[in-house]
């Protein structure tokens, strides 16, 4: 939203995570990943520039099987299906 004085609006959001209790509730069918963003989506979309800090990587099913192998272990991750909620 271009402000009347020609400036732009920027919003920064942090700690976005589709892991932990969010993933548990989605897996059990209580909610969806999109539902978790409903209350803030309109505010974020109104900004000209939106920057978000995603707390965990998106990991595929095959990557989840091997998440504790190798040098770098993935402890906190988001299912790739949750990425669409960021739209």
PDB file of N, CA and C in Angstrom:
ATOM      1  N   UNK A   1       0.853  -1.155   0.000  1.00  0.00           N
ATOM      2  CA  UNK A   1       0.000   0.000   0.000  1.00  0.00           C
ATOM      3  C   UNK A   1       0.904   1.225   0.000  1.00  0.00           C
ATOM      4  N   UNK A   2       0.904   1.934  -1.110  1.00  0.00           N
ATOM      5  CA  UNK A   2       1.706   3.142  -1.242  1.00  0.00           C
ATOM      6  C   UNK A   2       1.050   4.239  -0.419  1.00  0.00           C
ATOM      7  N   UNK A   3       1.777   4.778   0.510  1.00  0.00           N
ATOM      8  CA  UNK A   3       1.246   5.827   1.369  1.00  0.00           C
ATOM      9  C   UNK A   3       1.189   7.142   0.597  1.00  0.00           C
ATOM     10  N   UNK A   4       0.349   8.051   1.036  1.00  0.00           N
ATOM     11  CA  UNK A   4       0.127   9.291   0.301  1.00  0.00           C
ATOM     12  C   UNK A   4       1.383  10.137   0.145  1.00  0.00           C
ATOM     13  N   UNK A   5       2.336   9.987   1.012  1.00  0.00           N
ATOM     14  CA  UNK A   5       3.574  10.764   0.898  1.00  0.00           C
ATOM     15  C   UNK A   5       4.617  10.080   0.019  1.00  0.00           C
ATOM     16  N   UNK A   6       4.247   9.000  -0.672  1.00  0.00           N
ATOM     17  CA  UNK A   6       5.163   8.305  -1.567  1.00  0.00           C
ATOM     18  C   UNK A   6       6.017   7.244  -0.905  1.00  0.00           C
ATOM     19  N   UNK A   7       5.874   7.045   0.409  1.00  0.00           N
ATOM     20  CA  UNK A   7       6.658   6.024   1.099  1.00  0.00           C
ATOM     21  C   UNK A   7       5.995   4.655   0.939  1.00  0.00           C
ATOM     22  N   UNK A   8       6.723   3.648   1.304  1.00  0.00           N
ATOM     23  CA  UNK A   8       6.190   2.294   1.230  1.00  0.00           C
ATOM     24  C   UNK A   8       6.116   1.697   2.635  1.00  0.00           C
ATOM     25  N   UNK A   9       5.300   0.676   2.768  1.00  0.00           N
ATOM     26  CA  UNK A   9       5.193   0.007   4.073  1.00  0.00           C
ATOM     27  C   UNK A   9       5.943  -1.324   4.019  1.00  0.00           C
ATOM     28  N   UNK A  10       6.643  -1.610   5.104  1.00  0.00           N
ATOM     29  CA  UNK A  10       7.399  -2.860   5.232  1.00  0.00           C
ATOM     30  C   UNK A  10       6.988  -3.513   6.541  1.00  0.00           C
ATOM     31  N   UNK A  11       6.763  -4.810   6.501  1.00  0.00           N
ATOM     32  CA  UNK A  11       6.441  -5.545   7.723  1.00  0.00           C
ATOM     33  C   UNK A  11       7.432  -6.694   7.879  1.00  0.00           C
ATOM     34  N   UNK A  12       7.897  -6.875   9.098  1.00  0.00           N
ATOM     35  CA  UNK A  12       8.788  -7.978   9.430  1.00  0.00           C
ATOM     36  C   UNK A  12       8.051  -8.888  10.413  1.00  0.00           C
ATOM     37  N   UNK A  13       8.031 -10.167  10.132  1.00  0.00           N
ATOM     38  CA  UNK A  13       7.418 -11.125  11.051  1.00  0.00           C
ATOM     39  C   UNK A  13       8.430 -12.226  11.335  1.00  0.00           C
ATOM     40  N   UNK A  14       8.344 -12.795  12.510  1.00  0.00           N
ATOM     41  CA  UNK A  14       9.329 -13.804  12.855  1.00  0.00           C
ATOM     42  C   UNK A  14       8.738 -15.007  13.528  1.00  0.00           C
ATOM     43  N   UNK A  15       9.597 -15.969  13.702  1.00  0.00           N
ATOM     44  CA  UNK A  15       9.223 -17.205  14.379  1.00  0.00           C
ATOM     45  C   UNK A  15       8.069 -17.924  13.700  1.00  0.00           C
ATOM     46  N   UNK A  16       8.077 -17.949  12.364  1.00  0.00           N
ATOM     47  CA  UNK A  16       7.072 -18.718  11.627  1.00  0.00           C
ATOM     48  C   UNK A  16       7.513 -20.174  11.669  1.00  0.00           C
ATOM     49  N   UNK A  17       6.651 -21.022  12.178  1.00  0.00           N
ATOM     50  CA  UNK A  17       6.987 -22.442  12.264  1.00  0.00           C
ATOM     51  C   UNK A  17       5.732 -23.284  12.093  1.00  0.00           C
ATOM     52  N   UNK A  18       5.848 -24.302  11.296  1.00  0.00           N
ATOM     53  CA  UNK A  18       4.758 -25.259  11.111  1.00  0.00           C
ATOM     54  C   UNK A  18       5.147 -26.592  11.739  1.00  0.00           C
ATOM     55  N   UNK A  19       5.919 -26.533  12.791  1.00  0.00           N
ATOM     56  CA  UNK A  19       6.406 -27.696  13.503  1.00  0.00           C
ATOM     57  C   UNK A  19       5.716 -27.764  14.863  1.00  0.00           C
ATOM     58  N   UNK A  20       6.074 -28.709  15.668  1.00  0.00           N
ATOM     59  CA  UNK A  20       5.567 -28.818  17.036  1.00  0.00           C
ATOM     60  C   UNK A  20       4.072 -28.998  17.122  1.00  0.00           C
ATOM     61  N   UNK A  21       3.424 -28.177  17.960  1.00  0.00           N
ATOM     62  CA  UNK A  21       1.986 -28.346  18.183  1.00  0.00           C
ATOM     63  C   UNK A  21       1.181 -28.044  16.924  1.00  0.00           C
ATOM     64  N   UNK A  22       1.659 -27.133  16.069  1.00  0.00           N
ATOM     65  CA  UNK A  22       0.949 -26.844  14.818  1.00  0.00           C
ATOM     66  C   UNK A  22       0.891 -28.098  13.962  1.00  0.00           C
ATOM     67  N   UNK A  23       2.033 -28.739  13.776  1.00  0.00           N
ATOM     68  CA  UNK A  23       2.087 -29.981  12.984  1.00  0.00           C
ATOM     69  C   UNK A  23       1.215 -31.067  13.614  1.00  0.00           C
ATOM     70  N   UNK A  24       1.244 -31.170  14.929  1.00  0.00           N
ATOM     71  CA  UNK A  24       0.452 -32.187  15.622  1.00  0.00           C
ATOM     72  C   UNK A  24      -1.044 -31.979  15.370  1.00  0.00           C
ATOM     73  N   UNK A  25      -1.515 -30.724  15.477  1.00  0.00           N
ATOM     74  CA  UNK A  25      -2.937 -30.449  15.261  1.00  0.00           C
ATOM     75  C   UNK A  25      -3.346 -30.676  13.807  1.00  0.00           C
ATOM     76  N   UNK A  26      -2.461 -30.342  12.870  1.00  0.00           N
ATOM     77  CA  UNK A  26      -2.745 -30.593  11.453  1.00  0.00           C
ATOM     78  C   UNK A  26      -2.790 -32.096  11.193  1.00  0.00           C
ATOM     79  N   UNK A  27      -1.804 -32.825  11.711  1.00  0.00           N
ATOM     80  CA  UNK A  27      -1.760 -34.285  11.516  1.00  0.00           C
ATOM     81  C   UNK A  27      -2.997 -34.972  12.089  1.00  0.00           C
ATOM     82  N   UNK A  28      -3.540 -34.433  13.182  1.00  0.00           N
ATOM     83  CA  UNK A  28      -4.719 -35.030  13.806  1.00  0.00           C
ATOM     84  C   UNK A  28      -6.034 -34.513  13.211  1.00  0.00           C
ATOM     85  N   UNK A  29      -5.939 -33.601  12.235  1.00  0.00           N
ATOM     86  CA  UNK A  29      -7.129 -33.120  11.537  1.00  0.00           C
ATOM     87  C   UNK A  29      -7.898 -32.013  12.237  1.00  0.00           C
ATOM     88  N   UNK A  30      -7.318 -31.397  13.261  1.00  0.00           N
ATOM     89  CA  UNK A  30      -8.010 -30.320  13.974  1.00  0.00           C
ATOM     90  C   UNK A  30      -7.979 -28.996  13.217  1.00  0.00           C
ATOM     91  N   UNK A  31      -6.983 -28.801  12.402  1.00  0.00           N
ATOM     92  CA  UNK A  31      -6.803 -27.546  11.678  1.00  0.00           C
ATOM     93  C   UNK A  31      -6.003 -27.822  10.405  1.00  0.00           C
ATOM     94  N   UNK A  32      -5.751 -26.780   9.636  1.00  0.00           N
ATOM     95  CA  UNK A  32      -4.891 -26.896   8.459  1.00  0.00           C
ATOM     96  C   UNK A  32      -3.763 -25.874   8.596  1.00  0.00           C
ATOM     97  N   UNK A  33      -2.735 -26.030   7.798  1.00  0.00           N
ATOM     98  CA  UNK A  33      -1.644 -25.064   7.839  1.00  0.00           C
ATOM     99  C   UNK A  33      -2.144 -23.674   7.447  1.00  0.00           C
ATOM    100  N   UNK A  34      -3.048 -23.610   6.470  1.00  0.00           N
ATOM    101  CA  UNK A  34      -3.599 -22.315   6.066  1.00  0.00           C
ATOM    102  C   UNK A  34      -4.345 -21.642   7.209  1.00  0.00           C
ATOM    103  N   UNK A  35      -5.061 -22.425   8.016  1.00  0.00           N
ATOM    104  CA  UNK A  35      -5.811 -21.859   9.142  1.00  0.00           C
ATOM    105  C   UNK A  35      -4.907 -21.142  10.138  1.00  0.00           C
ATOM    106  N   UNK A  36      -3.667 -21.585  10.245  1.00  0.00           N
ATOM    107  CA  UNK A  36      -2.762 -20.985  11.229  1.00  0.00           C
ATOM    108  C   UNK A  36      -2.376 -19.557  10.857  1.00  0.00           C
ATOM    109  N   UNK A  37      -2.572 -19.183   9.604  1.00  0.00           N
ATOM    110  CA  UNK A  37      -2.182 -17.840   9.150  1.00  0.00           C
ATOM    111  C   UNK A  37      -3.373 -16.897   8.967  1.00  0.00           C
ATOM    112  N   UNK A  38      -4.594 -17.369   9.184  1.00  0.00           N
ATOM    113  CA  UNK A  38      -5.796 -16.593   8.886  1.00  0.00           C
ATOM    114  C   UNK A  38      -5.818 -15.228   9.571  1.00  0.00           C
ATOM    115  N   UNK A  39      -5.499 -15.166  10.830  1.00  0.00           N
ATOM    116  CA  UNK A  39      -5.624 -13.910  11.577  1.00  0.00           C
ATOM    117  C   UNK A  39      -4.583 -12.866  11.198  1.00  0.00           C
ATOM    118  N   UNK A  40      -3.482 -13.275  10.609  1.00  0.00           N
ATOM    119  CA  UNK A  40      -2.421 -12.319  10.280  1.00  0.00           C
ATOM    120  C   UNK A  40      -2.244 -12.101   8.779  1.00  0.00           C
ATOM    121  N   UNK A  41      -2.839 -12.938   7.955  1.00  0.00           N
ATOM    122  CA  UNK A  41      -2.620 -12.874   6.505  1.00  0.00           C
ATOM    123  C   UNK A  41      -2.991 -11.519   5.915  1.00  0.00           C
ATOM    124  N   UNK A  42      -4.132 -10.973   6.296  1.00  0.00           N
ATOM    125  CA  UNK A  42      -4.580  -9.687   5.743  1.00  0.00           C
ATOM    126  C   UNK A  42      -3.581  -8.572   6.079  1.00  0.00           C
ATOM    127  N   UNK A  43      -3.104  -8.544   7.298  1.00  0.00           N
ATOM    128  CA  UNK A  43      -2.154  -7.514   7.724  1.00  0.00           C
ATOM    129  C   UNK A  43      -0.854  -7.628   6.929  1.00  0.00           C
ATOM    130  N   UNK A  44      -0.376  -8.838   6.764  1.00  0.00           N
ATOM    131  CA  UNK A  44       0.881  -9.055   6.034  1.00  0.00           C
ATOM    132  C   UNK A  44       0.713  -8.676   4.566  1.00  0.00           C
ATOM    133  N   UNK A  45      -0.427  -9.043   3.971  1.00  0.00           N
ATOM    134  CA  UNK A  45      -0.663  -8.747   2.549  1.00  0.00           C
ATOM    135  C   UNK A  45      -0.780  -7.254   2.270  1.00  0.00           C
ATOM    136  N   UNK A  46      -1.189  -6.461   3.248  1.00  0.00           N
ATOM    137  CA  UNK A  46      -1.349  -5.018   3.045  1.00  0.00           C
ATOM    138  C   UNK A  46      -0.009  -4.298   2.909  1.00  0.00           C
ATOM    139  N   UNK A  47       1.050  -4.891   3.363  1.00  0.00           N
ATOM    140  CA  UNK A  47       2.375  -4.257   3.277  1.00  0.00           C
ATOM    141  C   UNK A  47       2.915  -4.362   1.857  1.00  0.00           C
ATOM    142  N   UNK A  48       3.670  -3.354   1.457  1.00  0.00           N
ATOM    143  CA  UNK A  48       4.328  -3.404   0.150  1.00  0.00           C
ATOM    144  C   UNK A  48       5.404  -4.480   0.122  1.00  0.00           C
ATOM    145  N   UNK A  49       6.127  -4.593   1.232  1.00  0.00           N
ATOM    146  CA  UNK A  49       7.180  -5.591   1.358  1.00  0.00           C
ATOM    147  C   UNK A  49       6.957  -6.339   2.660  1.00  0.00           C
ATOM    148  N   UNK A  50       6.948  -7.668   2.593  1.00  0.00           N
ATOM    149  CA  UNK A  50       6.797  -8.500   3.784  1.00  0.00           C
ATOM    150  C   UNK A  50       7.998  -9.429   3.885  1.00  0.00           C
ATOM    151  N   UNK A  51       8.609  -9.439   5.059  1.00  0.00           N
ATOM    152  CA  UNK A  51       9.776 -10.284   5.308  1.00  0.00           C
ATOM    153  C   UNK A  51       9.451 -11.175   6.504  1.00  0.00           C
ATOM    154  N   UNK A  52       9.615 -12.472   6.322  1.00  0.00           N
ATOM    155  CA  UNK A  52       9.320 -13.405   7.410  1.00  0.00           C
ATOM    156  C   UNK A  52      10.509 -14.286   7.727  1.00  0.00           C
ATOM    157  N   UNK A  53      10.673 -14.609   9.004  1.00  0.00           N
ATOM    158  CA  UNK A  53      11.733 -15.499   9.447  1.00  0.00           C
ATOM    159  C   UNK A  53      11.139 -16.892   9.659  1.00  0.00           C
ATOM    160  N   UNK A  54      11.441 -17.795   8.760  1.00  0.00           N
ATOM    161  CA  UNK A  54      10.967 -19.171   8.879  1.00  0.00           C
ATOM    162  C   UNK A  54      11.915 -19.917   9.809  1.00  0.00           C
ATOM    163  N   UNK A  55      11.388 -20.434  10.892  1.00  0.00           N
ATOM    164  CA  UNK A  55      12.203 -21.060  11.932  1.00  0.00           C
ATOM    165  C   UNK A  55      12.694 -22.466  11.585  1.00  0.00           C
ATOM    166  N   UNK A  56      12.091 -23.083  10.580  1.00  0.00           N
ATOM    167  CA  UNK A  56      12.478 -24.465  10.281  1.00  0.00           C
ATOM    168  C   UNK A  56      12.441 -24.697   8.776  1.00  0.00           C
ATOM    169  N   UNK A  57      13.309 -25.567   8.273  1.00  0.00           N
ATOM    170  CA  UNK A  57      13.333 -25.855   6.845  1.00  0.00           C
ATOM    171  C   UNK A  57      12.136 -26.710   6.435  1.00  0.00           C
ATOM    172  N   UNK A  58      11.766 -26.606   5.162  1.00  0.00           N
ATOM    173  CA  UNK A  58      10.743 -27.499   4.613  1.00  0.00           C
ATOM    174  C   UNK A  58      11.431 -28.808   4.242  1.00  0.00           C
ATOM    175  N   UNK A  59      10.886 -29.915   4.698  1.00  0.00           N
ATOM    176  CA  UNK A  59      11.522 -31.217   4.532  1.00  0.00           C
ATOM    177  C   UNK A  59      10.521 -32.193   3.918  1.00  0.00           C
ATOM    178  N   UNK A  60      10.957 -32.905   2.871  1.00  0.00           N
ATOM    179  CA  UNK A  60      10.106 -33.892   2.215  1.00  0.00           C
ATOM    180  C   UNK A  60      10.022 -35.174   3.048  1.00  0.00           C
ATOM    181  N   UNK A  61       9.101 -36.041   2.689  1.00  0.00           N
ATOM    182  CA  UNK A  61       8.942 -37.314   3.413  1.00  0.00           C
ATOM    183  C   UNK A  61      10.229 -38.132   3.390  1.00  0.00           C
ATOM    184  N   UNK A  62      10.907 -38.185   2.235  1.00  0.00           N
ATOM    185  CA  UNK A  62      12.148 -38.968   2.158  1.00  0.00           C
ATOM    186  C   UNK A  62      13.241 -38.356   3.025  1.00  0.00           C
ATOM    187  N   UNK A  63      13.264 -37.036   3.127  1.00  0.00           N
ATOM    188  CA  UNK A  63      14.253 -36.378   3.979  1.00  0.00           C
ATOM    189  C   UNK A  63      13.933 -36.616   5.457  1.00  0.00           C
ATOM    190  N   UNK A  64      12.653 -36.717   5.802  1.00  0.00           N
ATOM    191  CA  UNK A  64      12.258 -36.953   7.191  1.00  0.00           C
ATOM    192  C   UNK A  64      12.770 -38.291   7.699  1.00  0.00           C
ATOM    193  N   UNK A  65      12.801 -39.292   6.819  1.00  0.00           N
ATOM    194  CA  UNK A  65      13.269 -40.622   7.223  1.00  0.00           C
ATOM    195  C   UNK A  65      14.722 -40.599   7.682  1.00  0.00           C
ATOM    196  N   UNK A  66      15.512 -39.736   7.069  1.00  0.00           N
ATOM    197  CA  UNK A  66      16.944 -39.675   7.361  1.00  0.00           C
ATOM    198  C   UNK A  66      17.335 -38.415   8.113  1.00  0.00           C
ATOM    199  N   UNK A  67      16.396 -37.798   8.813  1.00  0.00           N
ATOM    200  CA  UNK A  67      16.667 -36.502   9.432  1.00  0.00           C
ATOM    201  C   UNK A  67      17.687 -36.546  10.556  1.00  0.00           C
ATOM    202  N   UNK A  68      17.950 -37.708  11.145  1.00  0.00           N
ATOM    203  CA  UNK A  68      18.942 -37.787  12.212  1.00  0.00           C
ATOM    204  C   UNK A  68      20.248 -38.430  11.749  1.00  0.00           C
ATOM    205  N   UNK A  69      20.393 -38.639  10.444  1.00  0.00           N
ATOM    206  CA  UNK A  69      21.649 -39.206   9.946  1.00  0.00           C
ATOM    207  C   UNK A  69      22.511 -38.093   9.369  1.00  0.00           C
ATOM    208  N   UNK A  70      23.755 -38.363   9.227  1.00  0.00           N
ATOM    209  CA  UNK A  70      24.665 -37.378   8.657  1.00  0.00           C
ATOM    210  C   UNK A  70      25.237 -36.433   9.701  1.00  0.00           C
ATOM    211  N   UNK A  71      26.010 -35.496   9.224  1.00  0.00           N
ATOM    212  CA  UNK A  71      26.696 -34.557  10.097  1.00  0.00           C
ATOM    213  C   UNK A  71      25.717 -33.529  10.679  1.00  0.00           C
ATOM    214  N   UNK A  72      24.860 -32.983   9.835  1.00  0.00           N
ATOM    215  CA  UNK A  72      23.890 -31.960  10.264  1.00  0.00           C
ATOM    216  C   UNK A  72      22.543 -32.640  10.470  1.00  0.00           C
ATOM    217  N   UNK A  73      22.062 -32.661  11.689  1.00  0.00           N
ATOM    218  CA  UNK A  73      20.797 -33.320  12.001  1.00  0.00           C
ATOM    219  C   UNK A  73      19.655 -32.320  12.011  1.00  0.00           C
ATOM    220  N   UNK A  74      18.540 -32.704  11.408  1.00  0.00           N
ATOM    221  CA  UNK A  74      17.362 -31.843  11.364  1.00  0.00           C
ATOM    222  C   UNK A  74      16.454 -32.224  12.520  1.00  0.00           C
ATOM    223  N   UNK A  75      16.327 -31.362  13.503  1.00  0.00           N
ATOM    224  CA  UNK A  75      15.474 -31.628  14.658  1.00  0.00           C
ATOM    225  C   UNK A  75      14.133 -30.911  14.540  1.00  0.00           C
ATOM    226  N   UNK A  76      14.154 -29.730  14.012  1.00  0.00           N
ATOM    227  CA  UNK A  76      12.930 -28.952  13.861  1.00  0.00           C
ATOM    228  C   UNK A  76      12.713 -28.736  12.371  1.00  0.00           C
ATOM    229  N   UNK A  77      11.603 -29.209  11.839  1.00  0.00           N
ATOM    230  CA  UNK A  77      11.350 -29.118  10.413  1.00  0.00           C
ATOM    231  C   UNK A  77       9.863 -28.939  10.142  1.00  0.00           C
ATOM    232  N   UNK A  78       9.565 -28.447   8.957  1.00  0.00           N
ATOM    233  CA  UNK A  78       8.189 -28.292   8.510  1.00  0.00           C
ATOM    234  C   UNK A  78       7.962 -29.185   7.305  1.00  0.00           C
ATOM    235  N   UNK A  79       6.799 -29.783   7.233  1.00  0.00           N
ATOM    236  CA  UNK A  79       6.413 -30.596   6.083  1.00  0.00           C
ATOM    237  C   UNK A  79       6.298 -29.685   4.866  1.00  0.00           C
ATOM    238  N   UNK A  80       6.739 -30.152   3.698  1.00  0.00           N
ATOM    239  CA  UNK A  80       6.673 -29.328   2.495  1.00  0.00           C
ATOM    240  C   UNK A  80       5.249 -28.881   2.193  1.00  0.00           C
ATOM    241  N   UNK A  81       4.246 -29.626   2.624  1.00  0.00           N
ATOM    242  CA  UNK A  81       2.845 -29.253   2.400  1.00  0.00           C
ATOM    243  C   UNK A  81       2.442 -27.985   3.118  1.00  0.00           C
ATOM    244  N   UNK A  82       3.207 -27.569   4.089  1.00  0.00           N
ATOM    245  CA  UNK A  82       2.874 -26.351   4.826  1.00  0.00           C
ATOM    246  C   UNK A  82       3.312 -25.081   4.105  1.00  0.00           C
ATOM    247  N   UNK A  83       4.170 -25.206   3.109  1.00  0.00           N
ATOM    248  CA  UNK A  83       4.698 -24.030   2.399  1.00  0.00           C
ATOM    249  C   UNK A  83       3.603 -23.199   1.753  1.00  0.00           C
ATOM    250  N   UNK A  84       2.534 -23.827   1.300  1.00  0.00           N
ATOM    251  CA  UNK A  84       1.452 -23.081   0.640  1.00  0.00           C
ATOM    252  C   UNK A  84       0.763 -22.104   1.579  1.00  0.00           C
ATOM    253  N   UNK A  85       0.847 -22.337   2.893  1.00  0.00           N
ATOM    254  CA  UNK A  85       0.235 -21.428   3.862  1.00  0.00           C
ATOM    255  C   UNK A  85       0.903 -20.061   3.855  1.00  0.00           C
ATOM    256  N   UNK A  86       2.121 -19.987   3.341  1.00  0.00           N
ATOM    257  CA  UNK A  86       2.839 -18.710   3.300  1.00  0.00           C
ATOM    258  C   UNK A  86       2.411 -17.832   2.120  1.00  0.00           C
ATOM    259  N   UNK A  87       1.624 -18.388   1.208  1.00  0.00           N
ATOM    260  CA  UNK A  87       1.135 -17.605   0.089  1.00  0.00           C
ATOM    261  C   UNK A  87       0.269 -16.507   0.612  1.00  0.00           C
TER     262      UNK A  87
END
